[in-house]
């Protein structure tokens, strides 16, 4: 058996040089998804903190139902999500759309957890985490499309 063959349940499966996994590709893929996700989250949380420092947002421990604050937070989170998905596609070593949709699945799971938390705890208006969850897939599509147009 040659070096570019692997064993699977007792049968040899050959791989061409083009389809063989390259060392470090998995790490680069995970890094692309993680990098875009962390960049988006850091921007959102940083903006939250900056708005708190200048007095426009209450402390995170204070529950509020003031719609303008949540509309503003939804707006900048959507923008940051699009940037995050764009970054995922930009950093992806190959198949950028696959990476974008993997990131979207992670974001959707996190958003679903946010909706569940809002249903069981007094955290503000329920529409806010629902709006974040509903906008994940359009943001992913738009971020991926912005990168695809550059290629």
N, C-alpha and C. Protein backbone atom coordinates (compact mmCIF):
# COMPACT_ATOMS: atom_id res chain seq x y z
N UNK A 1 0.84 -1.17 0.00
CA UNK A 1 0.00 0.00 0.00
C UNK A 1 0.89 1.24 0.00
N UNK A 2 0.49 2.27 -0.73
CA UNK A 2 1.30 3.49 -0.84
C UNK A 2 0.97 4.45 0.29
N UNK A 3 1.77 5.52 0.39
CA UNK A 3 1.57 6.52 1.44
C UNK A 3 0.27 7.30 1.28
N UNK A 4 -0.23 7.44 0.05
CA UNK A 4 -1.44 8.22 -0.14
C UNK A 4 -2.70 7.36 -0.17
N UNK A 5 -2.68 6.24 0.50
CA UNK A 5 -3.85 5.40 0.64
C UNK A 5 -4.15 5.24 2.12
N UNK A 6 -5.42 5.12 2.45
CA UNK A 6 -5.81 4.91 3.83
C UNK A 6 -6.64 3.66 3.93
N UNK A 7 -6.73 3.12 5.11
CA UNK A 7 -7.54 1.93 5.32
C UNK A 7 -8.87 2.33 5.94
N UNK A 8 -9.93 1.83 5.35
CA UNK A 8 -11.26 2.06 5.90
C UNK A 8 -11.97 0.72 5.91
N UNK A 9 -12.29 0.24 7.07
CA UNK A 9 -12.97 -1.03 7.28
C UNK A 9 -12.38 -2.15 6.41
N UNK A 10 -11.07 -2.21 6.36
CA UNK A 10 -10.40 -3.30 5.67
C UNK A 10 -10.21 -3.12 4.18
N UNK A 11 -10.72 -2.06 3.59
CA UNK A 11 -10.53 -1.84 2.16
C UNK A 11 -9.69 -0.59 1.96
N UNK A 12 -8.85 -0.62 0.98
CA UNK A 12 -7.99 0.53 0.69
C UNK A 12 -8.77 1.58 -0.08
N UNK A 13 -8.66 2.81 0.36
CA UNK A 13 -9.28 3.94 -0.33
C UNK A 13 -8.14 4.85 -0.75
N UNK A 14 -8.00 5.05 -2.07
CA UNK A 14 -6.92 5.92 -2.53
C UNK A 14 -7.41 7.34 -2.63
N UNK A 15 -6.50 8.25 -2.39
CA UNK A 15 -6.81 9.66 -2.49
C UNK A 15 -5.85 10.30 -3.47
N UNK A 16 -6.35 11.19 -4.28
CA UNK A 16 -5.46 11.91 -5.17
C UNK A 16 -4.78 13.01 -4.37
N UNK A 17 -3.73 13.54 -4.89
CA UNK A 17 -3.00 14.60 -4.20
C UNK A 17 -3.90 15.82 -3.97
N UNK A 18 -4.81 16.10 -4.89
CA UNK A 18 -5.69 17.27 -4.76
C UNK A 18 -6.73 17.08 -3.66
N UNK A 19 -7.20 15.84 -3.45
CA UNK A 19 -8.24 15.63 -2.46
C UNK A 19 -7.70 15.23 -1.10
N UNK A 20 -6.43 14.92 -1.02
CA UNK A 20 -5.84 14.52 0.26
C UNK A 20 -5.84 15.70 1.22
N UNK A 21 -6.24 15.44 2.47
CA UNK A 21 -6.23 16.55 3.43
C UNK A 21 -4.81 17.02 3.71
N UNK A 22 -4.65 18.31 3.69
CA UNK A 22 -3.33 18.88 3.97
C UNK A 22 -3.20 19.09 5.47
N UNK A 23 -1.99 18.89 5.99
CA UNK A 23 -1.81 19.14 7.42
C UNK A 23 -2.13 20.59 7.75
N UNK A 24 -2.87 20.79 8.81
CA UNK A 24 -3.20 22.13 9.25
C UNK A 24 -4.44 22.73 8.61
N UNK A 25 -5.01 22.09 7.60
CA UNK A 25 -6.20 22.65 6.94
C UNK A 25 -7.37 22.71 7.91
N UNK A 26 -7.55 21.66 8.71
CA UNK A 26 -8.65 21.64 9.67
C UNK A 26 -8.49 22.80 10.66
N UNK A 27 -7.26 23.01 11.12
CA UNK A 27 -7.01 24.10 12.06
C UNK A 27 -7.28 25.46 11.41
N UNK A 28 -6.91 25.61 10.15
CA UNK A 28 -7.16 26.87 9.45
C UNK A 28 -8.66 27.08 9.26
N UNK A 29 -9.39 26.01 8.98
CA UNK A 29 -10.84 26.12 8.83
C UNK A 29 -11.49 26.51 10.14
N UNK A 30 -11.10 25.83 11.22
CA UNK A 30 -11.64 26.17 12.54
C UNK A 30 -11.25 27.59 12.92
N UNK A 31 -10.03 27.98 12.59
CA UNK A 31 -9.58 29.34 12.88
C UNK A 31 -10.37 30.39 12.13
N UNK A 32 -10.75 30.10 10.90
CA UNK A 32 -11.55 31.04 10.11
C UNK A 32 -12.92 31.25 10.75
N UNK A 33 -13.57 30.15 11.12
CA UNK A 33 -14.89 30.26 11.73
C UNK A 33 -14.79 30.92 13.10
N UNK A 34 -13.82 30.51 13.88
CA UNK A 34 -13.64 31.09 15.21
C UNK A 34 -13.25 32.56 15.12
N UNK A 35 -12.37 32.90 14.19
CA UNK A 35 -11.93 34.29 14.03
C UNK A 35 -13.07 35.22 13.67
N UNK A 36 -13.88 34.83 12.70
CA UNK A 36 -15.02 35.66 12.30
C UNK A 36 -16.05 35.78 13.41
N UNK A 37 -16.29 34.68 14.10
CA UNK A 37 -17.26 34.69 15.19
C UNK A 37 -16.79 35.57 16.34
N UNK A 38 -15.53 35.41 16.74
CA UNK A 38 -14.99 36.22 17.84
C UNK A 38 -14.90 37.70 17.47
N UNK A 39 -14.56 37.99 16.23
CA UNK A 39 -14.49 39.40 15.80
C UNK A 39 -15.86 40.05 15.90
N UNK A 40 -16.89 39.36 15.44
CA UNK A 40 -18.25 39.89 15.50
C UNK A 40 -18.69 40.09 16.95
N UNK A 41 -18.44 39.10 17.78
CA UNK A 41 -18.83 39.19 19.19
C UNK A 41 -18.07 40.30 19.90
N UNK A 42 -16.78 40.42 19.63
CA UNK A 42 -15.97 41.47 20.28
C UNK A 42 -16.46 42.85 19.88
N UNK A 43 -16.78 43.03 18.61
CA UNK A 43 -17.31 44.33 18.17
C UNK A 43 -18.63 44.65 18.86
N UNK A 44 -19.52 43.67 18.95
CA UNK A 44 -20.83 43.90 19.57
C UNK A 44 -20.68 44.21 21.06
N UNK A 45 -19.90 43.40 21.76
CA UNK A 45 -19.73 43.63 23.20
C UNK A 45 -18.96 44.92 23.47
N UNK A 46 -17.99 45.22 22.61
CA UNK A 46 -17.25 46.48 22.76
C UNK A 46 -18.15 47.68 22.55
N UNK A 47 -19.05 47.60 21.58
CA UNK A 47 -19.99 48.69 21.35
C UNK A 47 -20.95 48.82 22.51
N UNK A 48 -21.43 47.68 23.03
CA UNK A 48 -22.29 47.72 24.23
C UNK A 48 -21.58 48.47 25.36
N UNK A 49 -20.33 48.11 25.60
CA UNK A 49 -19.58 48.72 26.70
C UNK A 49 -19.34 50.21 26.45
N UNK A 50 -19.00 50.57 25.22
CA UNK A 50 -18.79 51.98 24.90
C UNK A 50 -20.07 52.78 25.11
N UNK A 51 -21.20 52.23 24.70
CA UNK A 51 -22.48 52.93 24.89
C UNK A 51 -22.85 53.03 26.37
N UNK A 52 -22.43 52.05 27.16
CA UNK A 52 -22.63 52.14 28.60
C UNK A 52 -21.76 53.25 29.19
N UNK A 53 -20.50 53.30 28.78
CA UNK A 53 -19.57 54.31 29.31
C UNK A 53 -20.04 55.74 29.03
N UNK A 54 -20.63 55.94 27.86
CA UNK A 54 -21.08 57.31 27.55
C UNK A 54 -22.51 57.58 28.04
N UNK A 55 -23.09 56.59 28.71
CA UNK A 55 -24.39 56.80 29.35
C UNK A 55 -25.62 56.50 28.51
N UNK A 56 -25.45 55.92 27.34
CA UNK A 56 -26.61 55.61 26.50
C UNK A 56 -27.24 54.26 26.82
N UNK A 57 -26.46 53.34 27.38
CA UNK A 57 -26.98 52.03 27.76
C UNK A 57 -26.84 51.87 29.27
N UNK A 58 -27.80 51.15 29.88
CA UNK A 58 -27.68 50.88 31.32
C UNK A 58 -26.65 49.76 31.56
N UNK A 59 -26.28 49.54 32.81
CA UNK A 59 -25.38 48.42 33.10
C UNK A 59 -26.02 47.10 32.66
N UNK A 60 -25.19 46.13 32.33
CA UNK A 60 -25.70 44.85 31.82
C UNK A 60 -26.59 44.14 32.84
N UNK A 61 -26.40 44.45 34.12
CA UNK A 61 -27.20 43.81 35.17
C UNK A 61 -28.58 44.44 35.32
N UNK A 62 -28.81 45.57 34.71
CA UNK A 62 -30.09 46.27 34.82
C UNK A 62 -30.99 45.89 33.65
N UNK A 63 -32.17 45.35 33.96
CA UNK A 63 -33.12 44.97 32.93
C UNK A 63 -33.86 46.22 32.46
N UNK A 64 -33.97 46.35 31.15
CA UNK A 64 -34.69 47.49 30.58
C UNK A 64 -35.54 46.99 29.42
N UNK A 65 -36.59 47.72 29.14
CA UNK A 65 -37.47 47.38 28.02
C UNK A 65 -37.57 48.55 27.03
N UNK A 66 -36.62 49.46 27.07
CA UNK A 66 -36.66 50.63 26.20
C UNK A 66 -36.32 50.22 24.77
N UNK A 67 -37.32 50.28 23.91
CA UNK A 67 -37.18 49.81 22.53
C UNK A 67 -36.05 50.48 21.75
N UNK A 68 -35.84 51.80 21.85
CA UNK A 68 -34.77 52.40 21.04
C UNK A 68 -33.40 51.79 21.30
N UNK A 69 -33.12 51.43 22.53
CA UNK A 69 -31.83 50.80 22.84
C UNK A 69 -31.71 49.44 22.17
N UNK A 70 -32.77 48.68 22.19
CA UNK A 70 -32.73 47.35 21.58
C UNK A 70 -32.72 47.43 20.05
N UNK A 71 -33.38 48.43 19.51
CA UNK A 71 -33.33 48.63 18.06
C UNK A 71 -31.91 49.00 17.63
N UNK A 72 -31.27 49.88 18.39
CA UNK A 72 -29.88 50.24 18.09
C UNK A 72 -28.97 49.02 18.21
N UNK A 73 -29.14 48.25 19.27
CA UNK A 73 -28.30 47.06 19.46
C UNK A 73 -28.52 46.04 18.35
N UNK A 74 -29.76 45.86 17.93
CA UNK A 74 -30.05 44.94 16.83
C UNK A 74 -29.38 45.43 15.56
N UNK A 75 -29.43 46.71 15.30
CA UNK A 75 -28.85 47.27 14.09
C UNK A 75 -27.35 47.05 14.02
N UNK A 76 -26.64 47.42 15.08
CA UNK A 76 -25.19 47.24 14.99
C UNK A 76 -24.78 45.78 15.08
N UNK A 77 -25.56 44.95 15.74
CA UNK A 77 -25.24 43.52 15.76
C UNK A 77 -25.43 42.88 14.38
N UNK A 78 -26.42 43.32 13.65
CA UNK A 78 -26.61 42.82 12.27
C UNK A 78 -25.41 43.23 11.41
N UNK A 79 -24.98 44.46 11.52
CA UNK A 79 -23.82 44.94 10.74
C UNK A 79 -22.58 44.13 11.12
N UNK A 80 -22.36 43.94 12.42
CA UNK A 80 -21.18 43.19 12.88
C UNK A 80 -21.27 41.72 12.47
N UNK A 81 -22.48 41.17 12.45
CA UNK A 81 -22.64 39.77 12.00
C UNK A 81 -22.26 39.64 10.53
N UNK A 82 -22.70 40.57 9.71
CA UNK A 82 -22.34 40.54 8.28
C UNK A 82 -20.82 40.62 8.14
N UNK A 83 -20.19 41.52 8.89
CA UNK A 83 -18.73 41.62 8.85
C UNK A 83 -18.07 40.32 9.32
N UNK A 84 -18.62 39.71 10.36
CA UNK A 84 -18.07 38.46 10.86
C UNK A 84 -18.15 37.34 9.84
N UNK A 85 -19.29 37.23 9.16
CA UNK A 85 -19.43 36.20 8.13
C UNK A 85 -18.54 36.49 6.93
N UNK A 86 -18.39 37.75 6.59
CA UNK A 86 -17.46 38.13 5.53
C UNK A 86 -16.05 37.68 5.92
N UNK A 87 -15.67 37.94 7.16
CA UNK A 87 -14.33 37.56 7.62
C UNK A 87 -14.14 36.04 7.60
N UNK A 88 -15.17 35.30 7.98
CA UNK A 88 -15.09 33.84 7.91
C UNK A 88 -14.79 33.41 6.48
N UNK A 89 -15.54 33.96 5.52
CA UNK A 89 -15.32 33.60 4.11
C UNK A 89 -13.94 34.04 3.64
N UNK A 90 -13.50 35.18 4.10
CA UNK A 90 -12.18 35.70 3.70
C UNK A 90 -11.05 34.85 4.25
N UNK A 91 -11.17 34.36 5.46
CA UNK A 91 -10.12 33.57 6.09
C UNK A 91 -10.16 32.09 5.73
N UNK A 92 -11.27 31.64 5.16
CA UNK A 92 -11.42 30.21 4.86
C UNK A 92 -10.33 29.75 3.88
N UNK A 93 -9.66 28.63 4.18
CA UNK A 93 -8.62 28.14 3.28
C UNK A 93 -9.17 27.63 1.95
N UNK A 94 -10.41 27.16 1.94
CA UNK A 94 -11.10 26.70 0.74
C UNK A 94 -12.59 26.66 1.06
N UNK A 95 -13.40 26.55 0.03
CA UNK A 95 -14.85 26.44 0.20
C UNK A 95 -15.40 27.46 1.20
N UNK A 96 -15.31 28.74 0.89
CA UNK A 96 -15.75 29.76 1.85
C UNK A 96 -17.21 29.64 2.26
N UNK A 97 -18.08 29.22 1.35
CA UNK A 97 -19.49 29.11 1.71
C UNK A 97 -19.71 28.04 2.77
N UNK A 98 -18.97 26.96 2.69
CA UNK A 98 -19.11 25.90 3.70
C UNK A 98 -18.74 26.46 5.08
N UNK A 99 -17.72 27.28 5.13
CA UNK A 99 -17.29 27.88 6.38
C UNK A 99 -18.33 28.89 6.89
N UNK A 100 -18.87 29.66 5.97
CA UNK A 100 -19.90 30.64 6.35
C UNK A 100 -21.10 29.93 6.96
N UNK A 101 -21.56 28.85 6.34
CA UNK A 101 -22.74 28.15 6.85
C UNK A 101 -22.43 27.41 8.15
N UNK A 102 -21.21 26.97 8.33
CA UNK A 102 -20.82 26.37 9.62
C UNK A 102 -20.88 27.45 10.71
N UNK A 103 -20.38 28.62 10.40
CA UNK A 103 -20.46 29.73 11.36
C UNK A 103 -21.90 30.12 11.64
N UNK A 104 -22.73 30.09 10.61
CA UNK A 104 -24.15 30.42 10.79
C UNK A 104 -24.84 29.39 11.69
N UNK A 105 -24.48 28.13 11.56
CA UNK A 105 -25.06 27.10 12.42
C UNK A 105 -24.69 27.34 13.88
N UNK A 106 -23.45 27.71 14.11
CA UNK A 106 -23.00 28.01 15.47
C UNK A 106 -23.74 29.24 16.01
N UNK A 107 -23.83 30.28 15.19
CA UNK A 107 -24.53 31.50 15.62
C UNK A 107 -26.00 31.25 15.86
N UNK A 108 -26.61 30.41 15.04
CA UNK A 108 -28.02 30.09 15.21
C UNK A 108 -28.25 29.33 16.51
N UNK A 109 -27.34 28.40 16.83
CA UNK A 109 -27.45 27.67 18.10
C UNK A 109 -27.30 28.62 19.29
N UNK A 110 -26.35 29.54 19.20
CA UNK A 110 -26.16 30.51 20.28
C UNK A 110 -27.39 31.43 20.40
N UNK A 111 -27.95 31.83 19.27
CA UNK A 111 -29.14 32.68 19.30
C UNK A 111 -30.34 31.93 19.86
N UNK A 112 -30.47 30.66 19.54
CA UNK A 112 -31.55 29.86 20.09
C UNK A 112 -31.41 29.75 21.61
N UNK A 113 -30.18 29.62 22.09
CA UNK A 113 -29.94 29.60 23.53
C UNK A 113 -30.34 30.94 24.15
N UNK A 114 -30.08 32.04 23.44
CA UNK A 114 -30.49 33.35 23.91
C UNK A 114 -32.00 33.49 24.00
N UNK A 115 -32.71 32.94 23.04
CA UNK A 115 -34.17 32.97 23.06
C UNK A 115 -34.67 32.13 24.23
N UNK A 116 -34.09 30.96 24.43
CA UNK A 116 -34.49 30.10 25.55
C UNK A 116 -34.25 30.79 26.89
N UNK A 117 -33.12 31.47 27.01
CA UNK A 117 -32.82 32.20 28.24
C UNK A 117 -33.82 33.33 28.46
N UNK A 118 -34.18 34.02 27.39
CA UNK A 118 -35.14 35.13 27.51
C UNK A 118 -36.54 34.63 27.89
N UNK A 119 -36.84 33.40 27.50
CA UNK A 119 -38.14 32.83 27.86
C UNK A 119 -38.22 32.46 29.34
N UNK A 120 -37.09 32.16 29.94
CA UNK A 120 -37.09 31.69 31.33
C UNK A 120 -36.59 32.73 32.33
N UNK A 121 -36.04 33.83 31.86
CA UNK A 121 -35.51 34.86 32.75
C UNK A 121 -35.98 36.24 32.27
N UNK A 122 -36.07 37.16 33.19
CA UNK A 122 -36.45 38.53 32.84
C UNK A 122 -35.20 39.25 32.34
N UNK A 123 -35.05 39.32 31.02
CA UNK A 123 -33.83 39.90 30.42
C UNK A 123 -34.14 41.05 29.48
N UNK A 124 -35.38 41.43 29.37
CA UNK A 124 -35.77 42.46 28.42
C UNK A 124 -36.81 41.90 27.47
N UNK A 125 -37.09 42.62 26.40
CA UNK A 125 -38.14 42.18 25.48
C UNK A 125 -37.74 40.90 24.73
N UNK A 126 -38.70 40.01 24.58
CA UNK A 126 -38.44 38.73 23.89
C UNK A 126 -38.13 38.95 22.41
N UNK A 127 -38.67 40.01 21.81
CA UNK A 127 -38.45 40.21 20.38
C UNK A 127 -36.98 40.40 20.05
N UNK A 128 -36.19 40.90 21.00
CA UNK A 128 -34.78 41.18 20.72
C UNK A 128 -33.98 39.90 20.40
N UNK A 129 -33.94 38.89 21.28
CA UNK A 129 -33.19 37.68 20.90
C UNK A 129 -33.81 36.95 19.71
N UNK A 130 -35.12 37.06 19.57
CA UNK A 130 -35.77 36.44 18.41
C UNK A 130 -35.31 37.14 17.13
N UNK A 131 -35.24 38.47 17.16
CA UNK A 131 -34.76 39.22 15.99
C UNK A 131 -33.32 38.84 15.65
N UNK A 132 -32.49 38.68 16.66
CA UNK A 132 -31.10 38.27 16.40
C UNK A 132 -31.05 36.89 15.75
N UNK A 133 -31.88 35.97 16.24
CA UNK A 133 -31.90 34.62 15.67
C UNK A 133 -32.41 34.62 14.23
N UNK A 134 -33.44 35.41 13.97
CA UNK A 134 -34.04 35.45 12.63
C UNK A 134 -33.10 36.09 11.61
N UNK A 135 -32.23 36.98 12.05
CA UNK A 135 -31.34 37.66 11.10
C UNK A 135 -30.05 36.91 10.81
N UNK A 136 -29.78 35.81 11.51
CA UNK A 136 -28.51 35.08 11.32
C UNK A 136 -28.33 34.63 9.87
N UNK A 137 -29.30 33.93 9.32
CA UNK A 137 -29.12 33.38 7.96
C UNK A 137 -29.01 34.48 6.90
N UNK A 138 -29.83 35.53 6.94
CA UNK A 138 -29.62 36.61 5.96
C UNK A 138 -28.25 37.29 6.12
N UNK A 139 -27.79 37.45 7.36
CA UNK A 139 -26.47 38.05 7.57
C UNK A 139 -25.38 37.15 7.00
N UNK A 140 -25.51 35.85 7.21
CA UNK A 140 -24.52 34.91 6.68
C UNK A 140 -24.50 34.97 5.16
N UNK A 141 -25.67 34.97 4.56
CA UNK A 141 -25.74 35.04 3.11
C UNK A 141 -25.11 36.33 2.58
N UNK A 142 -25.43 37.44 3.23
CA UNK A 142 -24.90 38.72 2.77
C UNK A 142 -23.39 38.81 2.95
N UNK A 143 -22.89 38.37 4.11
CA UNK A 143 -21.45 38.38 4.35
C UNK A 143 -20.70 37.50 3.36
N UNK A 144 -21.24 36.31 3.10
CA UNK A 144 -20.63 35.41 2.12
C UNK A 144 -20.69 35.97 0.71
N UNK A 145 -21.81 36.59 0.39
CA UNK A 145 -21.97 37.18 -0.95
C UNK A 145 -21.00 38.35 -1.16
N UNK A 146 -20.81 39.17 -0.14
CA UNK A 146 -19.86 40.27 -0.27
C UNK A 146 -18.46 39.75 -0.57
N UNK A 147 -18.09 38.66 0.09
CA UNK A 147 -16.76 38.08 -0.19
C UNK A 147 -16.74 37.42 -1.58
N UNK A 148 -17.79 36.73 -1.94
CA UNK A 148 -17.82 36.05 -3.24
C UNK A 148 -17.72 37.03 -4.40
N UNK A 149 -18.25 38.21 -4.25
CA UNK A 149 -18.16 39.21 -5.32
C UNK A 149 -16.76 39.74 -5.51
N UNK A 150 -15.92 39.58 -4.48
CA UNK A 150 -14.53 40.02 -4.61
C UNK A 150 -13.68 39.00 -5.36
N UNK A 151 -14.13 37.77 -5.40
CA UNK A 151 -13.33 36.71 -6.03
C UNK A 151 -13.50 36.65 -7.52
